[in-house]
Amino acid sequence: MFDAAVFGSLFLTLFVIMDPPGITPIFLALTSGRPAKTQRRMAWQAVAVAFGVITVFGILGQQILGYLHVSVPALMIAGGLLLLLIALDLLTGKTDEPKQTKDVNVALVPLGMPLLAGPGAIVSVILAVQHADGAAQQVSVWAAIAAMHVVLWLTMRYSLLIIRVIKDGGVVLVTRLAGMMLSAIAVQQIINGVTQVIQGS
């Protein structure tokens, strides 16, 4: 009832796409200044949102995209534009949001989606579910998805220890670094989407 090859293949694919080590500075930048308890809750919320989005698209992905007449390249471009806006805020230091909503917003957007549950991860899961034959491969696919989200939660949860070491000055540096990384990710995602649109036309 378990296919190790399918599990390993999808887990590695999601690890490369979702990039737990790479998400660490972005998570630290977006959660800096919050109480430790709030930061831990945000790590859990972000992973829960990502897992929920991935699960929905894994089960109903093709139907959702088909019903809305949305192509995968369009999804990639939209996600890239959203990430680019967030990256610009990080680079310019404009990360403040209304106090009553900022914790929820950061956990849901951009952490939960599109950083964790981005177009790349969504498409990979849709294809993996479609190509899984039989119960053993289906179990392996969903086990890989669950395992990846556990890794993401552990990475963000324990990356909070870094804040205690680097202090306020380090957080500012990490914020700028996260903005640069995020802008590069966003631009690459937009380029990939546009390229696919051109190739498909």
N, C-alpha and C. Protein backbone atom coordinates (compact mmCIF):
# COMPACT_ATOMS: atom_id res chain seq x y z
N MET A 1 0.82 -1.21 0.00
CA MET A 1 0.00 0.00 0.00
C MET A 1 0.86 1.27 0.00
N PHE A 2 2.13 1.15 -0.44
CA PHE A 2 2.99 2.33 -0.45
C PHE A 2 4.03 2.20 -1.55
N ASP A 3 4.20 3.25 -2.34
CA ASP A 3 5.17 3.25 -3.43
C ASP A 3 6.27 4.27 -3.09
N ALA A 4 7.43 3.76 -2.66
CA ALA A 4 8.51 4.63 -2.21
C ALA A 4 9.04 5.52 -3.33
N ALA A 5 9.05 5.01 -4.55
CA ALA A 5 9.55 5.80 -5.68
C ALA A 5 8.67 7.01 -5.95
N VAL A 6 7.36 6.81 -5.93
CA VAL A 6 6.43 7.92 -6.14
C VAL A 6 6.55 8.93 -5.00
N PHE A 7 6.63 8.42 -3.77
CA PHE A 7 6.77 9.30 -2.60
C PHE A 7 8.04 10.14 -2.73
N GLY A 8 9.16 9.47 -3.00
CA GLY A 8 10.44 10.18 -3.07
C GLY A 8 10.48 11.20 -4.19
N SER A 9 9.93 10.84 -5.33
CA SER A 9 9.94 11.75 -6.48
C SER A 9 9.16 13.02 -6.20
N LEU A 10 7.93 12.87 -5.69
CA LEU A 10 7.11 14.05 -5.42
C LEU A 10 7.66 14.86 -4.25
N PHE A 11 8.16 14.18 -3.23
CA PHE A 11 8.71 14.90 -2.07
C PHE A 11 9.89 15.77 -2.50
N LEU A 12 10.79 15.22 -3.28
CA LEU A 12 11.95 15.98 -3.74
C LEU A 12 11.53 17.14 -4.64
N THR A 13 10.54 16.88 -5.51
CA THR A 13 10.05 17.94 -6.40
C THR A 13 9.48 19.09 -5.59
N LEU A 14 8.64 18.77 -4.60
CA LEU A 14 8.04 19.81 -3.76
C LEU A 14 9.09 20.51 -2.90
N PHE A 15 10.10 19.75 -2.46
CA PHE A 15 11.16 20.36 -1.63
C PHE A 15 11.91 21.42 -2.43
N VAL A 16 12.21 21.10 -3.69
CA VAL A 16 12.92 22.06 -4.54
C VAL A 16 12.03 23.28 -4.84
N ILE A 17 10.75 23.04 -5.12
CA ILE A 17 9.85 24.14 -5.48
C ILE A 17 9.51 25.00 -4.26
N MET A 18 9.15 24.37 -3.15
CA MET A 18 8.71 25.12 -1.96
C MET A 18 9.90 25.64 -1.15
N ASP A 19 11.06 24.99 -1.27
CA ASP A 19 12.34 25.49 -0.76
C ASP A 19 12.28 25.92 0.72
N PRO A 20 12.16 24.98 1.65
CA PRO A 20 12.13 25.34 3.08
C PRO A 20 13.30 26.20 3.54
N PRO A 21 14.56 25.91 3.17
CA PRO A 21 15.65 26.81 3.60
C PRO A 21 15.50 28.23 3.05
N GLY A 22 15.04 28.34 1.80
CA GLY A 22 14.88 29.65 1.18
C GLY A 22 13.74 30.45 1.76
N ILE A 23 12.74 29.77 2.31
CA ILE A 23 11.59 30.47 2.88
C ILE A 23 11.91 31.06 4.24
N THR A 24 13.00 30.59 4.87
CA THR A 24 13.33 31.01 6.23
C THR A 24 13.56 32.52 6.35
N PRO A 25 14.44 33.14 5.52
CA PRO A 25 14.62 34.59 5.68
C PRO A 25 13.37 35.39 5.36
N ILE A 26 12.55 34.91 4.42
CA ILE A 26 11.31 35.61 4.10
C ILE A 26 10.34 35.53 5.27
N PHE A 27 10.24 34.34 5.88
CA PHE A 27 9.37 34.16 7.05
C PHE A 27 9.84 35.05 8.20
N LEU A 28 11.14 35.10 8.45
CA LEU A 28 11.68 35.93 9.53
C LEU A 28 11.40 37.40 9.28
N ALA A 29 11.54 37.82 8.01
CA ALA A 29 11.30 39.23 7.68
C ALA A 29 9.83 39.60 7.87
N LEU A 30 8.93 38.73 7.44
CA LEU A 30 7.50 39.04 7.50
C LEU A 30 6.93 38.94 8.91
N THR A 31 7.59 38.19 9.80
CA THR A 31 7.06 38.01 11.15
C THR A 31 7.85 38.77 12.19
N SER A 32 8.87 39.52 11.79
CA SER A 32 9.69 40.23 12.77
C SER A 32 8.85 41.25 13.52
N GLY A 33 9.17 41.42 14.80
CA GLY A 33 8.45 42.39 15.64
C GLY A 33 7.22 41.83 16.31
N ARG A 34 6.78 40.64 15.92
CA ARG A 34 5.63 40.02 16.59
C ARG A 34 6.10 39.25 17.82
N PRO A 35 5.23 39.06 18.80
CA PRO A 35 5.57 38.20 19.95
C PRO A 35 5.85 36.78 19.48
N ALA A 36 6.71 36.05 20.22
CA ALA A 36 7.09 34.70 19.83
C ALA A 36 5.88 33.79 19.65
N LYS A 37 4.89 33.95 20.53
CA LYS A 37 3.69 33.12 20.45
C LYS A 37 2.96 33.38 19.14
N THR A 38 2.88 34.64 18.74
CA THR A 38 2.21 35.00 17.49
C THR A 38 2.98 34.46 16.29
N GLN A 39 4.31 34.54 16.34
CA GLN A 39 5.13 34.02 15.24
C GLN A 39 4.94 32.52 15.07
N ARG A 40 4.88 31.79 16.19
CA ARG A 40 4.67 30.34 16.10
C ARG A 40 3.29 30.03 15.52
N ARG A 41 2.30 30.83 15.90
CA ARG A 41 0.95 30.62 15.38
C ARG A 41 0.92 30.91 13.88
N MET A 42 1.65 31.94 13.46
CA MET A 42 1.68 32.29 12.03
C MET A 42 2.35 31.20 11.20
N ALA A 43 3.38 30.56 11.78
CA ALA A 43 4.02 29.44 11.07
C ALA A 43 3.01 28.32 10.84
N TRP A 44 2.23 28.02 11.88
CA TRP A 44 1.21 26.97 11.77
C TRP A 44 0.12 27.37 10.78
N GLN A 45 -0.33 28.62 10.86
CA GLN A 45 -1.39 29.08 9.96
C GLN A 45 -0.93 29.04 8.50
N ALA A 46 0.29 29.46 8.24
CA ALA A 46 0.80 29.48 6.87
C ALA A 46 0.85 28.08 6.28
N VAL A 47 1.34 27.13 7.08
CA VAL A 47 1.42 25.74 6.60
C VAL A 47 0.02 25.16 6.42
N ALA A 48 -0.90 25.48 7.34
CA ALA A 48 -2.27 24.97 7.23
C ALA A 48 -2.94 25.50 5.96
N VAL A 49 -2.74 26.79 5.68
CA VAL A 49 -3.32 27.39 4.47
C VAL A 49 -2.73 26.74 3.22
N ALA A 50 -1.40 26.58 3.21
CA ALA A 50 -0.75 25.98 2.05
C ALA A 50 -1.25 24.55 1.83
N PHE A 51 -1.36 23.78 2.91
CA PHE A 51 -1.82 22.40 2.80
C PHE A 51 -3.26 22.36 2.30
N GLY A 52 -4.09 23.28 2.80
CA GLY A 52 -5.48 23.33 2.35
C GLY A 52 -5.59 23.64 0.87
N VAL A 53 -4.81 24.64 0.42
CA VAL A 53 -4.85 25.03 -1.00
C VAL A 53 -4.34 23.88 -1.88
N ILE A 54 -3.21 23.28 -1.47
CA ILE A 54 -2.64 22.16 -2.23
C ILE A 54 -3.62 21.00 -2.30
N THR A 55 -4.29 20.71 -1.19
CA THR A 55 -5.25 19.60 -1.15
C THR A 55 -6.43 19.85 -2.09
N VAL A 56 -6.98 21.06 -2.05
CA VAL A 56 -8.10 21.40 -2.91
C VAL A 56 -7.72 21.27 -4.38
N PHE A 57 -6.54 21.81 -4.74
CA PHE A 57 -6.12 21.73 -6.13
C PHE A 57 -5.72 20.31 -6.52
N GLY A 58 -5.21 19.54 -5.56
CA GLY A 58 -4.89 18.15 -5.85
C GLY A 58 -6.13 17.34 -6.21
N ILE A 59 -7.22 17.65 -5.53
CA ILE A 59 -8.47 16.90 -5.75
C ILE A 59 -9.26 17.48 -6.92
N LEU A 60 -9.34 18.81 -6.99
CA LEU A 60 -10.23 19.46 -7.96
C LEU A 60 -9.51 20.41 -8.91
N GLY A 61 -8.17 20.32 -8.97
CA GLY A 61 -7.39 21.31 -9.72
C GLY A 61 -7.81 21.52 -11.15
N GLN A 62 -7.87 20.43 -11.91
CA GLN A 62 -8.21 20.56 -13.33
C GLN A 62 -9.61 21.13 -13.52
N GLN A 63 -10.55 20.70 -12.68
CA GLN A 63 -11.92 21.19 -12.79
C GLN A 63 -12.01 22.69 -12.47
N ILE A 64 -11.25 23.12 -11.43
CA ILE A 64 -11.27 24.53 -11.04
C ILE A 64 -10.69 25.40 -12.15
N LEU A 65 -9.52 25.03 -12.67
CA LEU A 65 -8.89 25.82 -13.73
C LEU A 65 -9.73 25.81 -15.00
N GLY A 66 -10.31 24.65 -15.31
CA GLY A 66 -11.16 24.57 -16.49
C GLY A 66 -12.42 25.40 -16.36
N TYR A 67 -13.06 25.37 -15.18
CA TYR A 67 -14.29 26.12 -14.96
C TYR A 67 -14.05 27.62 -15.05
N LEU A 68 -12.91 28.07 -14.51
CA LEU A 68 -12.59 29.50 -14.53
C LEU A 68 -11.91 29.93 -15.82
N HIS A 69 -11.61 28.95 -16.70
CA HIS A 69 -10.90 29.22 -17.96
C HIS A 69 -9.56 29.91 -17.68
N VAL A 70 -8.87 29.41 -16.67
CA VAL A 70 -7.56 29.95 -16.30
C VAL A 70 -6.49 28.95 -16.70
N SER A 71 -5.49 29.42 -17.43
CA SER A 71 -4.39 28.54 -17.83
C SER A 71 -3.31 28.54 -16.76
N VAL A 72 -2.47 27.52 -16.79
CA VAL A 72 -1.36 27.44 -15.83
C VAL A 72 -0.40 28.62 -15.98
N PRO A 73 -0.03 29.04 -17.22
CA PRO A 73 0.83 30.23 -17.34
C PRO A 73 0.22 31.48 -16.72
N ALA A 74 -1.10 31.66 -16.89
CA ALA A 74 -1.77 32.82 -16.28
C ALA A 74 -1.67 32.77 -14.77
N LEU A 75 -1.80 31.56 -14.21
CA LEU A 75 -1.67 31.38 -12.77
C LEU A 75 -0.26 31.75 -12.31
N MET A 76 0.74 31.36 -13.10
CA MET A 76 2.13 31.67 -12.78
C MET A 76 2.39 33.18 -12.82
N ILE A 77 1.88 33.85 -13.84
CA ILE A 77 2.10 35.30 -13.97
C ILE A 77 1.43 36.05 -12.83
N ALA A 78 0.20 35.66 -12.49
CA ALA A 78 -0.53 36.32 -11.40
C ALA A 78 0.21 36.14 -10.08
N GLY A 79 0.67 34.93 -9.81
CA GLY A 79 1.41 34.68 -8.58
C GLY A 79 2.71 35.46 -8.55
N GLY A 80 3.39 35.56 -9.70
CA GLY A 80 4.63 36.32 -9.77
C GLY A 80 4.42 37.81 -9.50
N LEU A 81 3.33 38.37 -10.05
CA LEU A 81 3.04 39.79 -9.82
C LEU A 81 2.75 40.07 -8.35
N LEU A 82 2.01 39.16 -7.71
CA LEU A 82 1.71 39.32 -6.28
C LEU A 82 3.00 39.27 -5.45
N LEU A 83 3.86 38.32 -5.76
CA LEU A 83 5.13 38.21 -5.05
C LEU A 83 6.00 39.44 -5.27
N LEU A 84 5.97 39.99 -6.49
CA LEU A 84 6.78 41.17 -6.79
C LEU A 84 6.34 42.38 -5.96
N LEU A 85 5.04 42.55 -5.81
CA LEU A 85 4.53 43.65 -4.98
C LEU A 85 4.99 43.51 -3.54
N ILE A 86 4.94 42.28 -3.01
CA ILE A 86 5.36 42.04 -1.64
C ILE A 86 6.87 42.25 -1.50
N ALA A 87 7.63 41.81 -2.52
CA ALA A 87 9.09 41.98 -2.49
C ALA A 87 9.46 43.47 -2.47
N LEU A 88 8.75 44.29 -3.22
CA LEU A 88 9.02 45.72 -3.24
C LEU A 88 8.77 46.34 -1.88
N ASP A 89 7.73 45.88 -1.19
CA ASP A 89 7.46 46.37 0.16
C ASP A 89 8.59 46.01 1.11
N LEU A 90 9.10 44.78 0.99
CA LEU A 90 10.21 44.35 1.85
C LEU A 90 11.47 45.18 1.57
N LEU A 91 11.73 45.44 0.30
CA LEU A 91 12.94 46.19 -0.07
C LEU A 91 12.88 47.64 0.38
N THR A 92 11.68 48.22 0.38
CA THR A 92 11.54 49.63 0.76
C THR A 92 11.18 49.81 2.22
N GLY A 93 10.97 48.71 2.93
CA GLY A 93 10.65 48.79 4.35
C GLY A 93 9.20 49.07 4.65
N LYS A 94 8.35 49.04 3.63
CA LYS A 94 6.92 49.32 3.83
C LYS A 94 6.17 48.01 4.10
N THR A 95 6.41 47.44 5.29
CA THR A 95 5.82 46.14 5.60
C THR A 95 4.69 46.25 6.61
N ASP A 96 4.36 47.47 7.05
CA ASP A 96 3.31 47.61 8.06
C ASP A 96 1.94 47.46 7.42
N GLU A 97 1.03 46.79 8.16
CA GLU A 97 -0.35 46.62 7.74
C GLU A 97 -1.25 47.05 8.88
N PRO A 98 -2.57 47.23 8.66
CA PRO A 98 -3.47 47.54 9.76
C PRO A 98 -3.32 46.53 10.88
N LYS A 99 -3.24 47.03 12.12
CA LYS A 99 -2.91 46.17 13.25
C LYS A 99 -3.88 45.02 13.43
N GLN A 100 -5.17 45.26 13.18
CA GLN A 100 -6.15 44.23 13.44
C GLN A 100 -6.10 43.08 12.44
N THR A 101 -5.41 43.27 11.30
CA THR A 101 -5.41 42.22 10.29
C THR A 101 -4.02 41.74 9.88
N LYS A 102 -2.96 42.41 10.36
CA LYS A 102 -1.64 42.12 9.80
C LYS A 102 -1.18 40.69 10.07
N ASP A 103 -1.45 40.14 11.26
CA ASP A 103 -1.01 38.79 11.56
C ASP A 103 -1.68 37.78 10.65
N VAL A 104 -3.00 37.92 10.46
CA VAL A 104 -3.74 37.01 9.61
C VAL A 104 -3.28 37.15 8.17
N ASN A 105 -3.16 38.40 7.69
CA ASN A 105 -2.78 38.63 6.29
C ASN A 105 -1.43 38.02 5.94
N VAL A 106 -0.44 38.23 6.80
CA VAL A 106 0.89 37.71 6.52
C VAL A 106 0.90 36.18 6.51
N ALA A 107 0.15 35.57 7.41
CA ALA A 107 0.10 34.10 7.46
C ALA A 107 -0.59 33.53 6.22
N LEU A 108 -1.62 34.22 5.75
CA LEU A 108 -2.37 33.72 4.59
C LEU A 108 -1.69 34.14 3.29
N VAL A 109 -1.38 35.44 3.18
CA VAL A 109 -0.73 36.00 1.99
C VAL A 109 0.39 36.91 2.47
N PRO A 110 1.62 36.69 2.13
CA PRO A 110 2.08 35.77 1.07
C PRO A 110 2.58 34.41 1.56
N LEU A 111 2.65 34.20 2.89
CA LEU A 111 3.27 32.96 3.36
C LEU A 111 2.53 31.71 2.89
N GLY A 112 1.22 31.63 3.21
CA GLY A 112 0.47 30.44 2.82
C GLY A 112 0.37 30.30 1.31
N MET A 113 0.02 31.39 0.68
CA MET A 113 -0.11 31.43 -0.77
C MET A 113 0.22 32.85 -1.23
N PRO A 114 1.07 33.07 -2.22
CA PRO A 114 1.62 32.08 -3.15
C PRO A 114 3.04 31.60 -2.84
N LEU A 115 3.61 31.92 -1.65
CA LEU A 115 4.97 31.47 -1.39
C LEU A 115 5.06 29.96 -1.24
N LEU A 116 4.25 29.41 -0.34
CA LEU A 116 4.30 27.96 -0.13
C LEU A 116 3.45 27.23 -1.18
N ALA A 117 2.18 27.58 -1.25
CA ALA A 117 1.30 26.96 -2.24
C ALA A 117 1.27 27.82 -3.50
N GLY A 118 2.40 27.84 -4.20
CA GLY A 118 2.50 28.63 -5.42
C GLY A 118 2.11 27.82 -6.64
N PRO A 119 2.14 28.46 -7.80
CA PRO A 119 1.76 27.76 -9.04
C PRO A 119 2.57 26.50 -9.30
N GLY A 120 3.89 26.56 -9.04
CA GLY A 120 4.73 25.39 -9.29
C GLY A 120 4.32 24.19 -8.46
N ALA A 121 4.08 24.42 -7.16
CA ALA A 121 3.66 23.34 -6.28
C ALA A 121 2.28 22.82 -6.67
N ILE A 122 1.38 23.74 -7.00
CA ILE A 122 0.02 23.35 -7.36
C ILE A 122 0.01 22.47 -8.61
N VAL A 123 0.75 22.90 -9.63
CA VAL A 123 0.80 22.14 -10.88
C VAL A 123 1.43 20.77 -10.65
N SER A 124 2.51 20.72 -9.86
CA SER A 124 3.18 19.44 -9.58
C SER A 124 2.23 18.47 -8.89
N VAL A 125 1.44 18.98 -7.95
CA VAL A 125 0.50 18.12 -7.23
C VAL A 125 -0.62 17.65 -8.15
N ILE A 126 -1.15 18.55 -8.97
CA ILE A 126 -2.22 18.17 -9.90
C ILE A 126 -1.74 17.03 -10.80
N LEU A 127 -0.54 17.17 -11.36
CA LEU A 127 0.00 16.14 -12.25
C LEU A 127 0.28 14.83 -11.51
N ALA A 128 0.80 14.94 -10.28
CA ALA A 128 1.11 13.73 -9.51
C ALA A 128 -0.16 12.94 -9.19
N VAL A 129 -1.22 13.65 -8.82
CA VAL A 129 -2.49 12.99 -8.50
C VAL A 129 -3.07 12.35 -9.76
N GLN A 130 -2.97 13.05 -10.89
CA GLN A 130 -3.51 12.52 -12.14
C GLN A 130 -2.79 11.25 -12.58
N HIS A 131 -1.47 11.22 -12.40
CA HIS A 131 -0.66 10.11 -12.89
C HIS A 131 -0.56 8.94 -11.91
N ALA A 132 -1.10 9.11 -10.70
CA ALA A 132 -1.03 8.04 -9.70
C ALA A 132 -2.05 6.96 -10.03
N ASP A 133 -1.55 5.75 -10.28
CA ASP A 133 -2.42 4.61 -10.59
C ASP A 133 -2.56 3.71 -9.37
N GLY A 134 -3.78 3.49 -8.95
CA GLY A 134 -4.03 2.57 -7.85
C GLY A 134 -3.90 3.23 -6.49
N ALA A 135 -4.34 2.50 -5.47
CA ALA A 135 -4.36 3.02 -4.10
C ALA A 135 -2.97 3.28 -3.56
N ALA A 136 -2.02 2.39 -3.87
CA ALA A 136 -0.66 2.53 -3.32
C ALA A 136 -0.02 3.84 -3.77
N GLN A 137 -0.14 4.19 -5.04
CA GLN A 137 0.47 5.42 -5.53
C GLN A 137 -0.27 6.65 -5.02
N GLN A 138 -1.60 6.55 -4.89
CA GLN A 138 -2.35 7.67 -4.34
C GLN A 138 -1.95 7.94 -2.90
N VAL A 139 -1.81 6.87 -2.10
CA VAL A 139 -1.37 7.01 -0.71
C VAL A 139 0.02 7.64 -0.66
N SER A 140 0.90 7.21 -1.55
CA SER A 140 2.27 7.73 -1.59
C SER A 140 2.29 9.22 -1.94
N VAL A 141 1.45 9.62 -2.89
CA VAL A 141 1.37 11.03 -3.29
C VAL A 141 0.94 11.90 -2.12
N TRP A 142 -0.13 11.50 -1.44
CA TRP A 142 -0.64 12.31 -0.34
C TRP A 142 0.27 12.26 0.88
N ALA A 143 0.99 11.14 1.06
CA ALA A 143 1.98 11.06 2.15
C ALA A 143 3.13 12.02 1.89
N ALA A 144 3.55 12.14 0.62
CA ALA A 144 4.63 13.07 0.28
C ALA A 144 4.19 14.51 0.51
N ILE A 145 2.95 14.83 0.15
CA ILE A 145 2.43 16.18 0.37
C ILE A 145 2.39 16.51 1.85
N ALA A 146 1.89 15.58 2.66
CA ALA A 146 1.81 15.79 4.11
C ALA A 146 3.21 15.94 4.71
N ALA A 147 4.14 15.06 4.30
CA ALA A 147 5.51 15.11 4.84
C ALA A 147 6.18 16.43 4.51
N MET A 148 5.96 16.94 3.30
CA MET A 148 6.57 18.21 2.90
C MET A 148 6.08 19.35 3.77
N HIS A 149 4.79 19.33 4.11
CA HIS A 149 4.25 20.40 4.94
C HIS A 149 4.72 20.31 6.38
N VAL A 150 4.98 19.11 6.85
CA VAL A 150 5.57 18.94 8.19
C VAL A 150 6.98 19.56 8.20
N VAL A 151 7.74 19.30 7.14
CA VAL A 151 9.10 19.87 7.03
C VAL A 151 9.03 21.40 7.00
N LEU A 152 8.08 21.95 6.24
CA LEU A 152 7.92 23.40 6.17
C LEU A 152 7.61 23.99 7.54
N TRP A 153 6.70 23.35 8.27
CA TRP A 153 6.35 23.85 9.60
C TRP A 153 7.53 23.81 10.54
N LEU A 154 8.28 22.70 10.54
CA LEU A 154 9.44 22.58 11.42
C LEU A 154 10.49 23.64 11.07
N THR A 155 10.69 23.87 9.78
CA THR A 155 11.68 24.87 9.34
C THR A 155 11.32 26.25 9.84
N MET A 156 10.06 26.67 9.65
CA MET A 156 9.65 28.00 10.09
C MET A 156 9.57 28.09 11.60
N ARG A 157 9.06 27.05 12.23
CA ARG A 157 8.90 27.05 13.69
C ARG A 157 10.24 27.26 14.40
N TYR A 158 11.27 26.56 13.96
CA TYR A 158 12.55 26.63 14.64
C TYR A 158 13.49 27.68 14.06
N SER A 159 13.10 28.29 12.94
CA SER A 159 13.90 29.41 12.43
C SER A 159 13.73 30.65 13.32
N LEU A 160 12.70 30.66 14.16
CA LEU A 160 12.47 31.79 15.05
C LEU A 160 13.61 31.96 16.05
N LEU A 161 14.35 30.88 16.31
CA LEU A 161 15.50 30.97 17.20
C LEU A 161 16.57 31.90 16.63
N ILE A 162 16.58 32.02 15.29
CA ILE A 162 17.58 32.87 14.65
C ILE A 162 17.40 34.33 15.04
N ILE A 163 16.13 34.76 15.21
CA ILE A 163 15.84 36.15 15.56
C ILE A 163 16.51 36.52 16.88
N ARG A 164 16.53 35.59 17.83
CA ARG A 164 17.14 35.87 19.13
C ARG A 164 18.63 36.13 19.01
N VAL A 165 19.23 35.58 17.97
CA VAL A 165 20.68 35.72 17.79
C VAL A 165 21.02 36.98 16.99
N ILE A 166 20.28 37.24 15.92
CA ILE A 166 20.66 38.34 15.01
C ILE A 166 20.16 39.70 15.47
N LYS A 167 19.18 39.75 16.39
CA LYS A 167 18.67 41.01 16.94
C LYS A 167 18.06 41.90 15.85
N ASP A 168 17.77 43.17 16.21
CA ASP A 168 17.04 44.07 15.31
C ASP A 168 17.82 44.39 14.03
N GLY A 169 19.12 44.66 14.17
CA GLY A 169 19.92 44.99 12.99
C GLY A 169 19.96 43.85 12.00
N GLY A 170 20.07 42.66 12.51
CA GLY A 170 20.08 41.48 11.65
C GLY A 170 18.75 41.28 10.96
N VAL A 171 17.66 41.59 11.66
CA VAL A 171 16.33 41.44 11.07
C VAL A 171 16.17 42.38 9.87
N VAL A 172 16.67 43.62 9.99
CA VAL A 172 16.61 44.57 8.87
C VAL A 172 17.38 44.02 7.68
N LEU A 173 18.57 43.47 7.94
CA LEU A 173 19.38 42.90 6.87
C LEU A 173 18.66 41.72 6.21
N VAL A 174 18.07 40.85 7.05
CA VAL A 174 17.34 39.70 6.54
C VAL A 174 16.14 40.15 5.71
N THR A 175 15.48 41.23 6.14
CA THR A 175 14.32 41.74 5.41
C THR A 175 14.71 42.19 4.00
N ARG A 176 15.82 42.91 3.90
CA ARG A 176 16.28 43.36 2.58
C ARG A 176 16.69 42.16 1.71
N LEU A 177 17.39 41.20 2.34
CA LEU A 177 17.80 40.00 1.62
C LEU A 177 16.58 39.23 1.12
N ALA A 178 15.57 39.12 1.98
CA ALA A 178 14.34 38.43 1.60
C ALA A 178 13.66 39.14 0.44
N GLY A 179 13.68 40.49 0.46
CA GLY A 179 13.08 41.24 -0.63
C GLY A 179 13.78 40.99 -1.96
N MET A 180 15.12 40.91 -1.92
CA MET A 180 15.88 40.62 -3.14
C MET A 180 15.57 39.23 -3.67
N MET A 181 15.57 38.24 -2.76
CA MET A 181 15.29 36.87 -3.17
C MET A 181 13.88 36.75 -3.74
N LEU A 182 12.93 37.38 -3.05
CA LEU A 182 11.54 37.28 -3.45
C LEU A 182 11.30 37.96 -4.79
N SER A 183 11.97 39.10 -5.02
CA SER A 183 11.81 39.78 -6.31
C SER A 183 12.38 38.94 -7.44
N ALA A 184 13.50 38.26 -7.18
CA ALA A 184 14.08 37.39 -8.21
C ALA A 184 13.16 36.22 -8.51
N ILE A 185 12.59 35.62 -7.46
CA ILE A 185 11.65 34.52 -7.64
C ILE A 185 10.44 34.99 -8.45
N ALA A 186 9.93 36.18 -8.10
CA ALA A 186 8.74 36.72 -8.77
C ALA A 186 9.01 36.97 -10.25
N VAL A 187 10.14 37.61 -10.55
CA VAL A 187 10.47 37.92 -11.95
C VAL A 187 10.64 36.63 -12.75
N GLN A 188 11.32 35.64 -12.18
CA GLN A 188 11.52 34.38 -12.87
C GLN A 188 10.19 33.69 -13.14
N GLN A 189 9.28 33.77 -12.16
CA GLN A 189 7.97 33.15 -12.32
C GLN A 189 7.17 33.83 -13.43
N ILE A 190 7.26 35.16 -13.49
CA ILE A 190 6.57 35.90 -14.55
C ILE A 190 7.16 35.55 -15.91
N ILE A 191 8.49 35.48 -15.99
CA ILE A 191 9.16 35.13 -17.24
C ILE A 191 8.73 33.74 -17.72
N ASN A 192 8.70 32.79 -16.78
CA ASN A 192 8.29 31.43 -17.13
C ASN A 192 6.86 31.39 -17.66
N GLY A 193 5.97 32.17 -17.01
CA GLY A 193 4.58 32.22 -17.45
C GLY A 193 4.44 32.82 -18.83
N VAL A 194 5.14 33.96 -19.06
CA VAL A 194 5.08 34.62 -20.37
C VAL A 194 5.66 33.72 -21.45
N THR A 195 6.77 33.04 -21.13
CA THR A 195 7.39 32.13 -22.10
C THR A 195 6.43 31.03 -22.51
N GLN A 196 5.72 30.46 -21.53
CA GLN A 196 4.76 29.41 -21.84
C GLN A 196 3.60 29.93 -22.67
N VAL A 197 3.19 31.15 -22.40
CA VAL A 197 2.11 31.75 -23.21
C VAL A 197 2.56 31.90 -24.66
N ILE A 198 3.79 32.40 -24.84
CA ILE A 198 4.32 32.60 -26.21
C ILE A 198 4.48 31.25 -26.93
N GLN A 199 4.99 30.26 -26.21
CA GLN A 199 5.18 28.94 -26.83
C GLN A 199 3.85 28.28 -27.18
N GLY A 200 2.82 28.57 -26.40
CA GLY A 200 1.53 27.96 -26.64
C GLY A 200 0.70 28.67 -27.71
N SER A 201 1.14 29.86 -28.10
CA SER A 201 0.36 30.63 -29.10
C SER A 201 0.82 30.32 -30.52
